[in-house]
């Protein structure tokens, strides 16, 4: 039995689907009294509890062979950061130790390293220097995991279907500074959510012993900012390629960012567009996992999501219907499956998709209400085709 906190979140739900698809028994901690199949994945059992209420965690880890600690709060509310990321993790580790769980894997963030530039540092080569409440509390939350002998995964920027931070932040920054940023030369670590889910799931079930300590969980190949922004323009997420607007040096980019209102700060801009990459081979080797072709090759699966979300701030709500549960595997790439959703609205859309193998097509269209319609269907090898929309994704702004 694998116990998962944060199993209904962006990364956690992808991990749950992966494990359930492999026939692994999963128990998901949720504050909801009933965890639906769409939220936690069909076949996953749910336990009602709250990281802020240690008493509610009693018995959560009984009989578990693995605890995946994937819950976190990344907003600006300092009290909530401490409640979830520090005290909540401490309470969860206490329950795991009481139950004698032999393996603990905890998801943290490379943001604990603070301002860059960071160029290819491996684990143990940088001293953490967090500057935000979220990153400070997540660093503090690592301590009880390490004390329990657990493995901490520090992930970089995570992209993919459901991403409310990385690409939407790039869109917001590009709206304010619609040119190439310092020649597009910034090199940063990214990982697609489905690849990260494959890694976490593999580390959960591998027969190899996991070392206690910190591992980086990005894709081993960093991404050049110009290449990422160009790909987003090709998918219609950006209005034009960065080079079409010329290029500005770093200081001029920051000045442009200050001159126009938006939610991405200068510090966040440096995380997105500057040199912020970390060596990440060890975790993939331990899990026996091929990292895959990288986040740029995965963008097509999430393109409809990104076009709909635009540059909305993370706290802007976007409710995904229950159809985002089942995954399909196309040429070795895990993709979000489409089904019945919970959004309002009706209509048909069309989109395009391309794949290295059979490919996928992504249909998207605005209906008569507030719902966004999006679906995935098989496409032609390496080709593009218009497809009818499938699942509803209700969006509120």
Protein backbone atom coordinates (compact mmCIF):
# COMPACT_ATOMS: atom_id res chain seq x y z
CA UNK A 1 0.00 0.00 0.00
CA UNK A 2 1.28 3.46 -0.98
CA UNK A 3 -0.06 6.44 0.96
CA UNK A 4 -0.09 9.78 -0.84
CA UNK A 5 -0.66 13.26 0.51
CA UNK A 6 -1.40 15.87 -2.13
CA UNK A 7 -2.83 13.18 -4.38
CA UNK A 8 -5.53 15.45 -5.83
CA UNK A 9 -3.07 18.21 -6.78
CA UNK A 10 -1.22 19.01 -9.99
CA UNK A 11 1.66 16.58 -9.52
CA UNK A 12 -0.01 14.22 -7.05
CA UNK A 13 -2.98 13.38 -9.27
CA UNK A 14 -0.61 12.43 -12.10
CA UNK A 15 1.31 10.17 -9.72
CA UNK A 16 -1.89 8.53 -8.50
CA UNK A 17 -3.04 7.80 -12.03
CA UNK A 18 0.34 6.33 -12.85
CA UNK A 19 0.36 4.00 -9.85
CA UNK A 20 -3.26 2.95 -10.20
CA UNK A 21 -2.63 2.20 -13.86
CA UNK A 22 0.13 -0.17 -12.73
CA UNK A 23 -2.25 -1.92 -10.34
CA UNK A 24 -0.57 -0.54 -7.21
CA UNK A 25 -2.88 -0.09 -4.18
CA UNK A 26 -3.06 3.61 -3.32
CA UNK A 27 -4.50 5.46 -0.31
CA UNK A 28 -4.95 9.21 -0.85
CA UNK A 29 -5.16 11.75 1.98
CA UNK A 30 -7.74 14.42 1.25
CA UNK A 31 -9.57 17.10 3.17
CA UNK A 32 -12.71 16.08 1.28
CA UNK A 33 -14.88 13.46 2.93
CA UNK A 34 -15.14 11.60 -0.35
CA UNK A 35 -12.37 11.62 -2.93
CA UNK A 36 -13.92 11.17 -6.37
CA UNK A 37 -12.33 9.05 -9.06
CA UNK A 38 -11.76 12.19 -11.14
CA UNK A 39 -9.83 13.89 -8.38
CA UNK A 40 -7.74 11.00 -7.13
CA UNK A 41 -7.97 8.60 -10.03
CA UNK A 42 -10.29 5.64 -10.47
CA UNK A 43 -9.19 2.80 -8.23
CA UNK A 44 -7.61 4.98 -5.55
CA UNK A 45 -8.93 4.82 -2.01
CA UNK A 46 -9.40 8.02 -0.06
CA UNK A 47 -8.90 8.93 3.60
CA UNK A 48 -10.31 12.16 5.02
CA UNK A 49 -7.69 14.12 6.94
CA UNK A 50 -5.89 17.43 7.13
CA UNK A 51 -2.17 18.12 7.50
CA UNK A 52 -3.14 20.97 9.82
CA UNK A 53 -4.89 18.52 12.19
CA UNK A 54 -2.42 15.86 13.41
CA UNK A 55 -5.18 13.87 15.13
CA UNK A 56 -6.91 13.35 11.75
CA UNK A 57 -3.78 11.64 10.42
CA UNK A 58 -3.86 8.85 12.99
CA UNK A 59 -3.93 5.50 11.21
CA UNK A 60 -3.29 7.01 7.78
CA UNK A 61 -0.02 5.12 7.31
CA UNK A 62 -1.01 1.82 8.94
CA UNK A 63 0.04 -1.04 6.68
CA UNK A 64 1.82 1.28 4.22
CA UNK A 65 5.09 0.33 2.57
CA UNK A 66 5.65 3.79 1.07
CA UNK A 67 4.61 7.36 1.89
CA UNK A 68 4.65 9.88 -0.93
CA UNK A 69 4.51 13.34 0.65
CA UNK A 70 3.39 15.51 -2.29
CA UNK A 71 1.24 18.16 -0.60
CA UNK A 72 2.42 21.76 -0.44
CA UNK A 73 1.18 25.33 -0.40
CA UNK A 74 3.04 27.73 -2.70
CA UNK A 75 1.10 30.97 -2.23
CA UNK A 76 2.09 34.13 -0.38
CA UNK A 77 0.18 33.54 2.87
CA UNK A 78 3.03 33.01 5.34
CA UNK A 79 0.86 31.46 8.03
CA UNK A 80 -0.60 28.95 5.60
CA UNK A 81 2.90 28.18 4.29
CA UNK A 82 3.96 27.27 7.83
CA UNK A 83 0.75 25.35 8.57
CA UNK A 84 0.99 23.14 5.50
CA UNK A 85 4.64 22.99 4.53
CA UNK A 86 6.24 22.93 7.97
CA UNK A 87 3.83 21.81 10.69
CA UNK A 88 1.79 19.66 8.30
CA UNK A 89 4.85 17.83 7.02
CA UNK A 90 6.13 17.39 10.56
CA UNK A 91 2.81 15.81 11.60
CA UNK A 92 2.81 13.55 8.54
CA UNK A 93 6.35 12.35 9.26
CA UNK A 94 5.39 11.64 12.87
CA UNK A 95 2.53 9.44 11.66
CA UNK A 96 4.84 7.66 9.19
CA UNK A 97 7.37 6.95 11.91
CA UNK A 98 4.67 5.74 14.30
CA UNK A 99 3.44 3.31 11.64
CA UNK A 100 6.97 2.23 10.73
CA UNK A 101 6.73 3.15 7.04
CA UNK A 102 10.04 1.97 5.53
CA UNK A 103 10.17 4.34 2.54
CA UNK A 104 9.34 8.06 2.39
CA UNK A 105 9.62 10.26 -0.70
CA UNK A 106 8.89 13.97 -0.29
CA UNK A 107 8.47 16.53 -3.08
CA UNK A 108 10.20 19.87 -2.53
CA UNK A 109 11.48 22.56 -4.89
CA UNK A 110 14.72 23.90 -6.35
CA UNK A 111 13.43 27.36 -5.40
CA UNK A 112 14.98 26.72 -1.96
CA UNK A 113 18.34 27.59 -3.56
CA UNK A 114 17.26 31.19 -3.97
CA UNK A 115 18.53 33.73 -6.51
CA UNK A 116 20.85 32.55 -9.25
CA UNK A 117 22.47 32.29 -11.53
CA UNK A 118 22.83 28.55 -10.98
CA UNK A 119 24.63 26.65 -13.72
CA UNK A 120 24.70 22.89 -13.45
CA UNK A 121 25.03 22.40 -9.70
CA UNK A 122 24.55 18.89 -8.40
CA UNK A 123 23.06 17.83 -5.10
CA UNK A 124 25.03 19.16 -2.14
CA UNK A 125 26.89 21.76 -4.19
CA UNK A 126 24.69 24.75 -3.33
CA UNK A 127 23.71 26.13 0.03
CA UNK A 128 19.96 26.87 0.17
CA UNK A 129 19.11 30.57 0.35
CA UNK A 130 15.30 30.83 0.03
CA UNK A 131 13.82 34.30 -0.32
CA UNK A 132 10.03 33.75 -0.26
CA UNK A 133 7.71 32.47 2.44
CA UNK A 134 6.82 29.48 0.27
CA UNK A 135 10.42 28.42 -0.41
CA UNK A 136 11.53 29.08 3.18
CA UNK A 137 8.74 26.91 4.54
CA UNK A 138 9.36 24.16 2.01
CA UNK A 139 13.02 24.06 2.99
CA UNK A 140 11.99 23.86 6.65
CA UNK A 141 9.57 21.07 5.74
CA UNK A 142 12.44 18.98 4.37
CA UNK A 143 14.03 18.69 7.82
CA UNK A 144 11.57 16.19 9.39
CA UNK A 145 11.66 14.11 6.18
CA UNK A 146 15.44 13.86 6.30
CA UNK A 147 15.31 13.12 10.03
CA UNK A 148 12.99 10.19 9.25
CA UNK A 149 15.47 8.84 6.69
CA UNK A 150 13.34 9.94 3.73
CA UNK A 151 14.32 11.02 0.23
CA UNK A 152 13.64 14.64 -0.75
CA UNK A 153 13.05 15.43 -4.43
CA UNK A 154 13.74 19.05 -5.32
CA UNK A 155 11.84 19.71 -8.53
CA UNK A 156 12.43 22.70 -10.82
CA UNK A 157 9.70 24.39 -12.87
CA UNK A 158 6.97 21.85 -13.70
CA UNK A 159 5.04 22.15 -16.96
CA UNK A 160 2.10 20.25 -18.41
CA UNK A 161 -1.66 19.97 -18.26
CA UNK A 162 -2.83 21.73 -15.10
CA UNK A 163 0.25 23.97 -14.70
CA UNK A 164 -0.87 27.23 -13.15
CA UNK A 165 2.56 28.72 -12.56
CA UNK A 166 5.43 28.11 -15.00
CA UNK A 167 4.00 28.75 -18.47
CA UNK A 168 1.27 31.19 -17.31
CA UNK A 169 4.08 33.23 -15.71
CA UNK A 170 5.98 33.24 -18.99
CA UNK A 171 2.83 34.42 -20.76
CA UNK A 172 2.30 37.24 -18.25
CA UNK A 173 5.93 38.35 -18.57
CA UNK A 174 5.80 38.21 -22.37
CA UNK A 175 2.64 40.33 -22.42
CA UNK A 176 4.62 42.99 -20.57
CA UNK A 177 7.92 42.54 -22.42
CA UNK A 178 6.96 41.09 -25.83
CA UNK A 179 10.49 40.59 -27.20
CA UNK A 180 13.37 38.17 -26.86
CA UNK A 181 14.79 38.26 -23.35
CA UNK A 182 18.56 38.72 -23.38
CA UNK A 183 18.76 36.84 -26.65
CA UNK A 184 16.73 33.94 -25.25
CA UNK A 185 19.96 32.47 -23.89
CA UNK A 186 18.78 31.73 -20.36
CA UNK A 187 19.12 28.05 -19.49
CA UNK A 188 16.77 26.57 -16.90
CA UNK A 189 15.67 23.21 -15.55
CA UNK A 190 12.11 22.12 -16.31
CA UNK A 191 10.23 18.83 -16.10
CA UNK A 192 6.88 17.82 -17.57
CA UNK A 193 4.35 16.74 -14.96
CA UNK A 194 3.86 13.31 -16.54
CA UNK A 195 7.59 12.66 -16.60
CA UNK A 196 7.88 13.78 -12.98
CA UNK A 197 4.98 11.44 -12.14
CA UNK A 198 6.80 8.56 -13.83
CA UNK A 199 9.88 9.32 -11.74
CA UNK A 200 8.01 9.57 -8.43
CA UNK A 201 6.04 6.40 -9.13
CA UNK A 202 9.22 4.53 -10.05
CA UNK A 203 10.97 5.63 -6.88
CA UNK A 204 7.95 4.45 -4.91
CA UNK A 205 8.03 0.90 -6.26
CA UNK A 206 11.66 0.24 -7.17
CA UNK A 207 13.21 -2.70 -5.30
CA UNK A 208 16.40 -0.69 -4.96
CA UNK A 209 17.13 0.94 -1.63
CA UNK A 210 16.72 4.70 -1.79
CA UNK A 211 19.29 6.90 -0.10
CA UNK A 212 18.11 9.32 2.54
CA UNK A 213 18.93 12.84 1.40
CA UNK A 214 18.24 15.28 -1.42
CA UNK A 215 17.89 14.51 -5.13
CA UNK A 216 17.13 16.86 -8.02
CA UNK A 217 14.06 15.93 -10.05
CA UNK A 218 14.31 18.00 -13.21
CA UNK A 219 14.74 16.65 -16.71
CA UNK A 220 18.48 16.07 -17.16
CA UNK A 221 18.58 18.37 -20.23
CA UNK A 222 18.01 22.06 -19.39
CA UNK A 223 15.84 24.20 -21.68
CA UNK A 224 16.97 27.35 -23.49
CA UNK A 225 14.48 30.18 -22.94
CA UNK A 226 14.38 31.14 -26.61
CA UNK A 227 13.53 27.57 -27.61
CA UNK A 228 10.74 27.35 -25.04
CA UNK A 229 9.20 30.70 -26.01
CA UNK A 230 9.42 29.81 -29.69
CA UNK A 231 7.60 26.52 -29.06
CA UNK A 232 4.88 28.31 -27.09
CA UNK A 233 4.41 30.71 -30.01
CA UNK A 234 4.09 27.78 -32.42
CA UNK A 235 1.30 26.33 -30.28
CA UNK A 236 -0.52 29.68 -30.17
CA UNK A 237 0.14 30.19 -26.45
CA UNK A 238 2.10 33.37 -27.26
CA UNK A 239 0.91 35.84 -29.91
CA UNK A 240 4.20 35.76 -31.81
CA UNK A 241 7.72 34.39 -31.61
CA UNK A 242 10.02 36.43 -29.36
CA UNK A 243 12.40 37.25 -32.21
CA UNK A 244 9.61 39.00 -34.11
CA UNK A 245 9.68 41.78 -31.55
CA UNK A 246 13.45 42.10 -31.40
CA UNK A 247 15.52 41.50 -28.28
CA UNK A 248 16.37 43.45 -25.13
CA UNK A 249 19.18 43.05 -22.64
CA UNK A 250 18.49 41.90 -19.11
CA UNK A 251 18.29 45.36 -17.48
CA UNK A 252 15.96 46.62 -20.21
CA UNK A 253 13.73 43.58 -19.73
CA UNK A 254 13.46 44.29 -16.01
CA UNK A 255 12.66 47.94 -16.74
CA UNK A 256 9.92 46.87 -19.13
CA UNK A 257 8.54 44.47 -16.56
CA UNK A 258 8.37 47.28 -13.98
CA UNK A 259 6.68 49.63 -16.43
CA UNK A 260 3.66 47.39 -17.05
CA UNK A 261 1.37 45.88 -14.41
CA UNK A 262 1.30 42.13 -13.94
CA UNK A 263 1.71 39.42 -11.34
CA UNK A 264 5.18 38.08 -12.16
CA UNK A 265 7.85 39.77 -10.02
CA UNK A 266 11.40 40.56 -11.07
CA UNK A 267 12.64 37.72 -8.86
CA UNK A 268 10.24 35.28 -10.48
CA UNK A 269 11.24 36.54 -13.91
CA UNK A 270 14.86 35.69 -13.16
CA UNK A 271 13.81 32.13 -12.22
CA UNK A 272 11.99 31.79 -15.53
CA UNK A 273 14.32 33.48 -17.96
CA UNK A 274 17.79 33.36 -16.40
CA UNK A 275 20.32 30.60 -15.83
CA UNK A 276 18.72 28.29 -13.25
CA UNK A 277 19.61 24.69 -14.03
CA UNK A 278 20.69 21.75 -11.93
CA UNK A 279 22.17 18.34 -12.63
CA UNK A 280 19.41 15.78 -12.20
CA UNK A 281 20.70 12.42 -13.44
CA UNK A 282 20.88 10.54 -10.14
CA UNK A 283 17.15 10.33 -9.40
CA UNK A 284 16.34 8.94 -12.85
CA UNK A 285 19.10 6.36 -12.55
CA UNK A 286 17.85 5.26 -9.12
CA UNK A 287 14.31 4.89 -10.44
CA UNK A 288 15.47 3.07 -13.57
CA UNK A 289 13.46 5.58 -15.61
CA UNK A 290 14.17 7.00 -19.05
CA UNK A 291 13.61 10.76 -18.64
CA UNK A 292 11.99 10.96 -22.06
CA UNK A 293 12.46 13.60 -24.76
CA UNK A 294 11.98 16.57 -22.43
CA UNK A 295 9.34 19.19 -21.67
CA UNK A 296 9.46 20.93 -25.06
CA UNK A 297 8.32 17.73 -26.76
CA UNK A 298 5.46 17.39 -24.26
CA UNK A 299 4.00 20.90 -24.73
CA UNK A 300 1.44 19.84 -27.33
CA UNK A 301 -0.51 17.81 -24.78
CA UNK A 302 -1.05 20.91 -22.60
CA UNK A 303 -1.37 23.50 -25.37
CA UNK A 304 -5.16 23.82 -25.08
CA UNK A 305 -4.85 24.28 -21.31
CA UNK A 306 -2.21 26.98 -21.75
CA UNK A 307 -4.15 28.83 -24.46
CA UNK A 308 -7.25 28.89 -22.26
CA UNK A 309 -5.41 29.97 -19.13
CA UNK A 310 -3.28 32.63 -20.77
CA UNK A 311 -1.29 34.64 -18.27
CA UNK A 312 -3.75 34.26 -15.39
CA UNK A 313 -2.20 34.36 -11.93
CA UNK A 314 -1.92 31.02 -10.05
CA UNK A 315 -4.70 31.90 -7.65
CA UNK A 316 -7.18 32.38 -10.52
CA UNK A 317 -9.33 29.26 -10.40
CA UNK A 318 -9.62 26.78 -13.22
CA UNK A 319 -11.76 23.77 -12.40
CA UNK A 320 -11.02 20.64 -14.38
CA UNK A 321 -13.78 18.14 -14.92
CA UNK A 322 -13.66 14.53 -13.85
CA UNK A 323 -12.67 13.46 -17.34
CA UNK A 324 -9.02 14.36 -16.70
CA UNK A 325 -8.61 11.03 -14.99
CA UNK A 326 -7.72 8.19 -17.29
CA UNK A 327 -4.41 8.39 -19.12
CA UNK A 328 -3.52 6.95 -22.49
CA UNK A 329 -0.04 6.01 -23.56
CA UNK A 330 0.98 7.15 -27.04
CA UNK A 331 4.47 6.27 -28.20
CA UNK A 332 5.58 6.03 -24.59
CA UNK A 333 4.16 9.47 -23.68
CA UNK A 334 1.59 9.65 -20.91
CA UNK A 335 -1.24 11.97 -21.79
CA UNK A 336 -4.25 13.31 -19.96
CA UNK A 337 -7.34 11.44 -21.03
CA UNK A 338 -10.53 13.23 -21.91
CA UNK A 339 -13.95 12.38 -20.63
CA UNK A 340 -17.02 13.94 -19.08
CA UNK A 341 -16.29 17.18 -17.33
CA UNK A 342 -17.81 19.56 -14.85
CA UNK A 343 -17.55 22.86 -16.69
CA UNK A 344 -20.52 24.79 -18.01
CA UNK A 345 -21.01 25.54 -21.68
CA UNK A 346 -21.47 23.72 -24.91
CA UNK A 347 -19.95 23.86 -28.33
CA UNK A 348 -17.42 22.27 -30.56
CA UNK A 349 -13.84 23.23 -31.10
CA UNK A 350 -10.93 22.32 -33.24
CA UNK A 351 -7.26 22.14 -32.57
CA UNK A 352 -4.03 20.64 -33.67
CA UNK A 353 -1.54 18.21 -32.24
CA UNK A 354 1.60 16.50 -33.30
CA UNK A 355 3.43 13.50 -31.95
CA UNK A 356 6.60 11.57 -32.48
CA UNK A 357 4.50 8.43 -32.71
CA UNK A 358 0.79 8.14 -33.45
CA UNK A 359 0.36 11.69 -32.17
CA UNK A 360 -2.61 13.38 -30.55
CA UNK A 361 -5.00 16.08 -31.61
CA UNK A 362 -6.20 18.64 -29.10
CA UNK A 363 -9.59 20.21 -29.72
CA UNK A 364 -10.56 23.43 -28.02
CA UNK A 365 -13.47 25.83 -28.31
CA UNK A 366 -15.49 28.21 -26.19
CA UNK A 367 -19.07 27.12 -25.62
CA UNK A 368 -22.16 29.12 -24.95
CA UNK A 369 -21.48 29.27 -21.22
CA UNK A 370 -18.34 29.59 -19.14
CA UNK A 371 -17.01 26.16 -20.03
CA UNK A 372 -13.94 25.46 -22.09
CA UNK A 373 -14.21 22.36 -24.22
CA UNK A 374 -11.06 20.34 -24.75
CA UNK A 375 -10.39 16.80 -25.85
CA UNK A 376 -7.71 14.39 -26.95
CA UNK A 377 -8.08 11.95 -29.80
CA UNK A 378 -5.60 9.89 -31.78
CA UNK A 379 -4.03 11.79 -34.66
CA UNK A 380 -1.85 10.79 -37.56
CA UNK A 381 1.85 9.97 -37.16
CA UNK A 382 3.65 13.28 -36.89
CA UNK A 383 0.62 15.02 -38.37
CA UNK A 384 -1.96 17.63 -37.46
CA UNK A 385 -5.70 17.31 -37.66
CA UNK A 386 -8.77 19.19 -36.49
CA UNK A 387 -10.84 17.24 -33.97
CA UNK A 388 -14.11 17.71 -32.12
CA UNK A 389 -13.89 18.75 -28.51
CA UNK A 390 -14.22 16.08 -25.86
CA UNK A 391 -14.10 16.85 -22.15
CA UNK A 392 -15.31 20.02 -20.55
CA UNK A 393 -13.00 22.12 -18.45
CA UNK A 394 -14.94 24.76 -16.53
CA UNK A 395 -12.93 27.96 -16.11
CA UNK A 396 -13.54 30.78 -13.66
CA UNK A 397 -11.48 33.96 -13.55
